[in-house]
Amino acid sequence: MVIKWYLTKLGERDILTIICTFAVIGIIGLIYDLCLLIKRKIFGEKYLSKYEQWMQSSSDEECYQHLLRWLRRNSTRMMDEMGGNRIINFYDQYSVNQGMLERYIGKLDYLISKKLWQLINPFVWLTRTVRLILLDIPFWMLRSVGLISVNRANRIRNHSLSDKIIGVITLLGFVVSLITDWDSVVKFFRQIFRWLGLISID
């Protein structure tokens, strides 16, 4: 088997380096995702605040027009970021639009807290790296050459089925590593325990 042959060619330090590299890349990816979510939340809260001010500024024509211009300039970005939770009507149904914006910001709060928990899960670190290799980079390349739209790429990347497939691939890769070269895995964990001081160095 190719995988077994490859693993047998790797030394203990090589396996450790590969796993640590995958973990570090995954952590960086999670931090990047977290920063994007926080940035989107800040913009969403700003947009909601401007929207509320605009609806309440009808008595001040200058302020009304200034806020309206700001909302128009940023409405495309806001709707792109909201995705499926788009604003139905920019001018009417104020309570509906306000509610959609508030739900969107609430969803971002949930995603941010979820991402923070993922930062302490080593399996998620590896999964994030696999996702980067199999989804993020390929779809970024397809978007760059115009073969797929940003919205469609995001829908595919963020689909629950994509997450399940990536999770299965990561789990299978981990299990295959255990089965094909158990001795190297044992050596790796022995080295980890030595570093942690849990066992004495022979």
C-alpha atoms as a PDB file:
ATOM      1  CA  MET A   1       0.000   0.000   0.000  1.00  0.00           C
ATOM      2  CA  VAL A   2       1.312   3.421  -0.980  1.00  0.00           C
ATOM      3  CA  ILE A   3       0.286   5.077   2.297  1.00  0.00           C
ATOM      4  CA  LYS A   4       1.974   2.385   4.376  1.00  0.00           C
ATOM      5  CA  TRP A   5       5.159   2.610   2.291  1.00  0.00           C
ATOM      6  CA  TYR A   6       5.199   6.386   2.666  1.00  0.00           C
ATOM      7  CA  LEU A   7       4.649   6.274   6.424  1.00  0.00           C
ATOM      8  CA  THR A   8       7.412   3.700   6.906  1.00  0.00           C
ATOM      9  CA  LYS A   9       9.813   6.082   5.167  1.00  0.00           C
ATOM     10  CA  LEU A  10       9.003   8.792   7.686  1.00  0.00           C
ATOM     11  CA  GLY A  11      10.895   8.998  10.901  1.00  0.00           C
ATOM     12  CA  GLU A  12       9.430   9.812  14.281  1.00  0.00           C
ATOM     13  CA  ARG A  13      10.367  13.469  13.959  1.00  0.00           C
ATOM     14  CA  ASP A  14       8.943  13.632  10.415  1.00  0.00           C
ATOM     15  CA  ILE A  15       5.537  12.372  11.561  1.00  0.00           C
ATOM     16  CA  LEU A  16       5.585  14.813  14.456  1.00  0.00           C
ATOM     17  CA  THR A  17       6.470  17.659  12.098  1.00  0.00           C
ATOM     18  CA  ILE A  18       3.639  16.804   9.688  1.00  0.00           C
ATOM     19  CA  ILE A  19       1.015  16.531  12.424  1.00  0.00           C
ATOM     20  CA  CYS A  20       2.185  19.734  14.119  1.00  0.00           C
ATOM     21  CA  THR A  21       2.211  21.534  10.759  1.00  0.00           C
ATOM     22  CA  PHE A  22      -1.360  20.433  10.045  1.00  0.00           C
ATOM     23  CA  ALA A  23      -2.401  21.514  13.540  1.00  0.00           C
ATOM     24  CA  VAL A  24      -0.761  24.945  13.229  1.00  0.00           C
ATOM     25  CA  ILE A  25      -2.287  25.539   9.788  1.00  0.00           C
ATOM     26  CA  GLY A  26      -5.679  24.534  11.183  1.00  0.00           C
ATOM     27  CA  ILE A  27      -5.370  26.913  14.143  1.00  0.00           C
ATOM     28  CA  ILE A  28      -4.369  29.774  11.833  1.00  0.00           C
ATOM     29  CA  GLY A  29      -7.359  28.959   9.607  1.00  0.00           C
ATOM     30  CA  LEU A  30      -9.741  28.992  12.574  1.00  0.00           C
ATOM     31  CA  ILE A  31      -8.344  32.314  13.804  1.00  0.00           C
ATOM     32  CA  TYR A  32      -8.753  33.741  10.289  1.00  0.00           C
ATOM     33  CA  ASP A  33     -12.380  32.513  10.177  1.00  0.00           C
ATOM     34  CA  LEU A  34     -13.000  34.045  13.605  1.00  0.00           C
ATOM     35  CA  CYS A  35     -11.585  37.411  12.521  1.00  0.00           C
ATOM     36  CA  LEU A  36     -13.829  37.413   9.437  1.00  0.00           C
ATOM     37  CA  LEU A  37     -16.909  36.675  11.558  1.00  0.00           C
ATOM     38  CA  ILE A  38     -16.045  39.473  13.993  1.00  0.00           C
ATOM     39  CA  LYS A  39     -15.492  41.860  11.072  1.00  0.00           C
ATOM     40  CA  ARG A  40     -18.877  40.906   9.589  1.00  0.00           C
ATOM     41  CA  LYS A  41     -20.578  41.384  12.950  1.00  0.00           C
ATOM     42  CA  ILE A  42     -19.058  44.860  13.402  1.00  0.00           C
ATOM     43  CA  PHE A  43     -20.261  45.872   9.938  1.00  0.00           C
ATOM     44  CA  GLY A  44     -23.702  44.330  10.540  1.00  0.00           C
ATOM     45  CA  GLU A  45     -24.145  46.235  13.805  1.00  0.00           C
ATOM     46  CA  LYS A  46     -23.031  49.460  12.121  1.00  0.00           C
ATOM     47  CA  TYR A  47     -25.457  48.901   9.248  1.00  0.00           C
ATOM     48  CA  LEU A  48     -28.333  48.173  11.638  1.00  0.00           C
ATOM     49  CA  SER A  49     -27.535  51.314  13.634  1.00  0.00           C
ATOM     50  CA  LYS A  50     -27.464  53.464  10.478  1.00  0.00           C
ATOM     51  CA  TYR A  51     -30.684  51.843   9.270  1.00  0.00           C
ATOM     52  CA  GLU A  52     -32.469  52.640  12.544  1.00  0.00           C
ATOM     53  CA  GLN A  53     -31.173  56.225  12.480  1.00  0.00           C
ATOM     54  CA  TRP A  54     -32.334  56.623   8.885  1.00  0.00           C
ATOM     55  CA  MET A  55     -35.859  55.436   9.704  1.00  0.00           C
ATOM     56  CA  GLN A  56     -36.059  57.929  12.578  1.00  0.00           C
ATOM     57  CA  SER A  57     -34.554  60.935  10.771  1.00  0.00           C
ATOM     58  CA  SER A  58     -37.405  61.872   8.433  1.00  0.00           C
ATOM     59  CA  SER A  59     -37.759  65.248  10.169  1.00  0.00           C
ATOM     60  CA  ASP A  60     -34.150  66.185   9.351  1.00  0.00           C
ATOM     61  CA  GLU A  61     -33.814  66.174   5.568  1.00  0.00           C
ATOM     62  CA  GLU A  62     -30.027  66.626   5.508  1.00  0.00           C
ATOM     63  CA  CYS A  63     -29.411  63.804   7.969  1.00  0.00           C
ATOM     64  CA  TYR A  64     -31.991  61.655   6.191  1.00  0.00           C
ATOM     65  CA  GLN A  65     -30.266  62.033   2.818  1.00  0.00           C
ATOM     66  CA  HIS A  66     -26.795  61.512   4.305  1.00  0.00           C
ATOM     67  CA  LEU A  67     -27.836  58.235   5.942  1.00  0.00           C
ATOM     68  CA  LEU A  68     -29.710  57.140   2.833  1.00  0.00           C
ATOM     69  CA  ARG A  69     -26.588  57.614   0.705  1.00  0.00           C
ATOM     70  CA  TRP A  70     -24.526  55.587   3.185  1.00  0.00           C
ATOM     71  CA  LEU A  71     -27.095  52.772   3.211  1.00  0.00           C
ATOM     72  CA  ARG A  72     -27.283  52.694  -0.573  1.00  0.00           C
ATOM     73  CA  ARG A  73     -23.500  52.546  -0.923  1.00  0.00           C
ATOM     74  CA  ASN A  74     -23.249  49.656   1.522  1.00  0.00           C
ATOM     75  CA  SER A  75     -26.474  47.765   0.768  1.00  0.00           C
ATOM     76  CA  THR A  76     -24.857  45.430  -1.787  1.00  0.00           C
ATOM     77  CA  ARG A  77     -22.127  44.441   0.649  1.00  0.00           C
ATOM     78  CA  MET A  78     -24.682  43.935   3.408  1.00  0.00           C
ATOM     79  CA  MET A  79     -26.910  41.704   1.293  1.00  0.00           C
ATOM     80  CA  ASP A  80     -23.921  39.720  -0.004  1.00  0.00           C
ATOM     81  CA  GLU A  81     -22.776  39.056   3.550  1.00  0.00           C
ATOM     82  CA  MET A  82     -26.272  38.124   4.708  1.00  0.00           C
ATOM     83  CA  GLY A  83     -26.631  35.585   1.907  1.00  0.00           C
ATOM     84  CA  GLY A  84     -29.985  33.835   2.343  1.00  0.00           C
ATOM     85  CA  ASN A  85     -31.102  36.344   4.996  1.00  0.00           C
ATOM     86  CA  ARG A  86     -31.367  39.207   2.511  1.00  0.00           C
ATOM     87  CA  ILE A  87     -33.261  42.422   3.158  1.00  0.00           C
ATOM     88  CA  ILE A  88     -36.637  41.959   1.450  1.00  0.00           C
ATOM     89  CA  ASN A  89     -37.439  45.598   0.813  1.00  0.00           C
ATOM     90  CA  PHE A  90     -35.132  48.508   1.454  1.00  0.00           C
ATOM     91  CA  TYR A  91     -37.813  51.158   1.920  1.00  0.00           C
ATOM     92  CA  ASP A  92     -40.864  49.384   3.349  1.00  0.00           C
ATOM     93  CA  GLN A  93     -41.564  46.867   6.091  1.00  0.00           C
ATOM     94  CA  TYR A  94     -39.175  48.448   8.585  1.00  0.00           C
ATOM     95  CA  SER A  95     -39.897  45.934  11.347  1.00  0.00           C
ATOM     96  CA  VAL A  96     -39.265  43.011   8.970  1.00  0.00           C
ATOM     97  CA  ASN A  97     -35.943  44.424   7.773  1.00  0.00           C
ATOM     98  CA  GLN A  98     -34.844  45.313  11.291  1.00  0.00           C
ATOM     99  CA  GLY A  99     -35.744  41.823  12.480  1.00  0.00           C
ATOM    100  CA  MET A 100     -33.748  40.206   9.681  1.00  0.00           C
ATOM    101  CA  LEU A 101     -30.691  42.301  10.516  1.00  0.00           C
ATOM    102  CA  GLU A 102     -31.001  41.456  14.205  1.00  0.00           C
ATOM    103  CA  ARG A 103     -31.334  37.732  13.446  1.00  0.00           C
ATOM    104  CA  TYR A 104     -28.299  37.934  11.174  1.00  0.00           C
ATOM    105  CA  ILE A 105     -26.216  39.556  13.928  1.00  0.00           C
ATOM    106  CA  GLY A 106     -27.495  36.947  16.383  1.00  0.00           C
ATOM    107  CA  LYS A 107     -26.406  34.202  13.993  1.00  0.00           C
ATOM    108  CA  LEU A 108     -22.935  35.756  13.836  1.00  0.00           C
ATOM    109  CA  ASP A 109     -22.782  35.765  17.652  1.00  0.00           C
ATOM    110  CA  TYR A 110     -23.551  32.043  17.616  1.00  0.00           C
ATOM    111  CA  LEU A 111     -20.940  31.317  14.935  1.00  0.00           C
ATOM    112  CA  ILE A 112     -18.298  33.315  16.821  1.00  0.00           C
ATOM    113  CA  SER A 113     -18.900  31.406  20.062  1.00  0.00           C
ATOM    114  CA  LYS A 114     -18.855  28.116  18.113  1.00  0.00           C
ATOM    115  CA  LYS A 115     -15.558  29.067  16.480  1.00  0.00           C
ATOM    116  CA  LEU A 116     -14.028  29.896  19.869  1.00  0.00           C
ATOM    117  CA  TRP A 117     -14.894  26.404  21.116  1.00  0.00           C
ATOM    118  CA  GLN A 118     -13.381  24.895  17.974  1.00  0.00           C
ATOM    119  CA  LEU A 119     -10.069  26.560  18.792  1.00  0.00           C
ATOM    120  CA  ILE A 120      -9.571  24.119  21.691  1.00  0.00           C
ATOM    121  CA  ASN A 121     -10.460  20.978  19.712  1.00  0.00           C
ATOM    122  CA  PRO A 122      -7.358  19.328  18.130  1.00  0.00           C
ATOM    123  CA  PHE A 123      -9.475  17.249  15.737  1.00  0.00           C
ATOM    124  CA  VAL A 124     -11.027  20.456  14.382  1.00  0.00           C
ATOM    125  CA  TRP A 125      -7.521  21.833  13.762  1.00  0.00           C
ATOM    126  CA  LEU A 126      -6.788  18.898  11.442  1.00  0.00           C
ATOM    127  CA  THR A 127     -10.235  19.118   9.847  1.00  0.00           C
ATOM    128  CA  ARG A 128      -9.722  22.822   9.123  1.00  0.00           C
ATOM    129  CA  THR A 129      -6.456  22.053   7.317  1.00  0.00           C
ATOM    130  CA  VAL A 130      -8.113  19.344   5.209  1.00  0.00           C
ATOM    131  CA  ARG A 131     -10.916  21.794   4.416  1.00  0.00           C
ATOM    132  CA  LEU A 132      -8.342  24.376   3.331  1.00  0.00           C
ATOM    133  CA  ILE A 133      -6.681  21.894   0.981  1.00  0.00           C
ATOM    134  CA  LEU A 134      -9.823  20.299  -0.487  1.00  0.00           C
ATOM    135  CA  LEU A 135     -12.327  23.182  -0.476  1.00  0.00           C
ATOM    136  CA  ASP A 136     -10.966  26.644   0.240  1.00  0.00           C
ATOM    137  CA  ILE A 137      -7.983  26.684  -2.128  1.00  0.00           C
ATOM    138  CA  PRO A 138      -9.732  24.944  -5.081  1.00  0.00           C
ATOM    139  CA  PHE A 139     -12.820  27.191  -4.867  1.00  0.00           C
ATOM    140  CA  TRP A 140     -10.634  30.272  -4.479  1.00  0.00           C
ATOM    141  CA  MET A 141      -8.872  29.300  -7.716  1.00  0.00           C
ATOM    142  CA  LEU A 142     -12.201  28.703  -9.486  1.00  0.00           C
ATOM    143  CA  ARG A 143     -13.490  32.100  -8.333  1.00  0.00           C
ATOM    144  CA  SER A 144     -10.268  33.791  -9.396  1.00  0.00           C
ATOM    145  CA  VAL A 145     -10.596  32.602 -12.997  1.00  0.00           C
ATOM    146  CA  GLY A 146     -14.334  33.316 -13.110  1.00  0.00           C
ATOM    147  CA  LEU A 147     -15.525  29.712 -13.388  1.00  0.00           C
ATOM    148  CA  ILE A 148     -17.803  30.020 -10.367  1.00  0.00           C
ATOM    149  CA  SER A 149     -19.491  32.931  -8.608  1.00  0.00           C
ATOM    150  CA  VAL A 150     -18.609  33.951  -5.064  1.00  0.00           C
ATOM    151  CA  ASN A 151     -22.133  33.231  -3.798  1.00  0.00           C
ATOM    152  CA  ARG A 152     -22.250  29.758  -5.332  1.00  0.00           C
ATOM    153  CA  ALA A 153     -18.776  28.926  -4.027  1.00  0.00           C
ATOM    154  CA  ASN A 154     -19.773  30.043  -0.541  1.00  0.00           C
ATOM    155  CA  ARG A 155     -23.001  28.016  -0.677  1.00  0.00           C
ATOM    156  CA  ILE A 156     -21.080  24.872  -1.582  1.00  0.00           C
ATOM    157  CA  ARG A 157     -18.275  25.480   0.926  1.00  0.00           C
ATOM    158  CA  ASN A 158     -20.678  26.285   3.765  1.00  0.00           C
ATOM    159  CA  HIS A 159     -23.133  23.473   3.055  1.00  0.00           C
ATOM    160  CA  SER A 160     -23.558  21.014   5.922  1.00  0.00           C
ATOM    161  CA  LEU A 161     -22.827  18.111   3.555  1.00  0.00           C
ATOM    162  CA  SER A 162     -19.408  19.600   2.757  1.00  0.00           C
ATOM    163  CA  ASP A 163     -18.563  19.706   6.466  1.00  0.00           C
ATOM    164  CA  LYS A 164     -19.630  16.072   6.887  1.00  0.00           C
ATOM    165  CA  ILE A 165     -17.533  14.925   3.921  1.00  0.00           C
ATOM    166  CA  ILE A 166     -14.468  16.795   5.192  1.00  0.00           C
ATOM    167  CA  GLY A 167     -14.989  15.323   8.659  1.00  0.00           C
ATOM    168  CA  VAL A 168     -15.207  11.780   7.253  1.00  0.00           C
ATOM    169  CA  ILE A 169     -12.056  12.284   5.153  1.00  0.00           C
ATOM    170  CA  THR A 170     -10.146  13.591   8.179  1.00  0.00           C
ATOM    171  CA  LEU A 171     -11.333  10.717  10.360  1.00  0.00           C
ATOM    172  CA  LEU A 172     -10.474   8.125   7.698  1.00  0.00           C
ATOM    173  CA  GLY A 173      -7.032   9.652   7.255  1.00  0.00           C
ATOM    174  CA  PHE A 174      -6.434   9.479  10.993  1.00  0.00           C
ATOM    175  CA  VAL A 175      -7.670   5.871  11.230  1.00  0.00           C
ATOM    176  CA  VAL A 176      -5.597   4.789   8.205  1.00  0.00           C
ATOM    177  CA  SER A 177      -2.523   6.321   9.827  1.00  0.00           C
ATOM    178  CA  LEU A 178      -3.176   4.272  12.963  1.00  0.00           C
ATOM    179  CA  ILE A 179      -3.757   1.014  11.070  1.00  0.00           C
ATOM    180  CA  THR A 180      -0.943   1.241   8.527  1.00  0.00           C
ATOM    181  CA  ASP A 181       1.859   2.237  10.873  1.00  0.00           C
ATOM    182  CA  TRP A 182       0.927   1.609  14.477  1.00  0.00           C
ATOM    183  CA  ASP A 183       4.557   1.547  15.647  1.00  0.00           C
ATOM    184  CA  SER A 184       5.192   5.077  14.384  1.00  0.00           C
ATOM    185  CA  VAL A 185       1.997   6.282  16.060  1.00  0.00           C
ATOM    186  CA  VAL A 186       3.082   4.748  19.371  1.00  0.00           C
ATOM    187  CA  LYS A 187       6.502   6.379  19.037  1.00  0.00           C
ATOM    188  CA  PHE A 188       4.857   9.709  18.310  1.00  0.00           C
ATOM    189  CA  PHE A 189       2.670   9.630  21.422  1.00  0.00           C
ATOM    190  CA  ARG A 190       5.574   8.390  23.545  1.00  0.00           C
ATOM    191  CA  GLN A 191       7.515  11.441  22.392  1.00  0.00           C
ATOM    192  CA  ILE A 192       4.580  13.701  23.288  1.00  0.00           C
ATOM    193  CA  PHE A 193       4.368  12.147  26.754  1.00  0.00           C
ATOM    194  CA  ARG A 194       8.103  12.625  27.219  1.00  0.00           C
ATOM    195  CA  TRP A 195       7.813  16.294  26.338  1.00  0.00           C
ATOM    196  CA  LEU A 196       4.956  16.630  28.804  1.00  0.00           C
ATOM    197  CA  GLY A 197       6.992  14.859  31.483  1.00  0.00           C
ATOM    198  CA  LEU A 198       4.413  12.078  31.883  1.00  0.00           C
ATOM    199  CA  ILE A 199       6.954   9.312  31.296  1.00  0.00           C
ATOM    200  CA  SER A 200      10.682   9.177  31.871  1.00  0.00           C
ATOM    201  CA  ILE A 201      13.159   9.233  29.014  1.00  0.00           C
ATOM    202  CA  ASP A 202      14.755   5.828  28.478  1.00  0.00           C
END
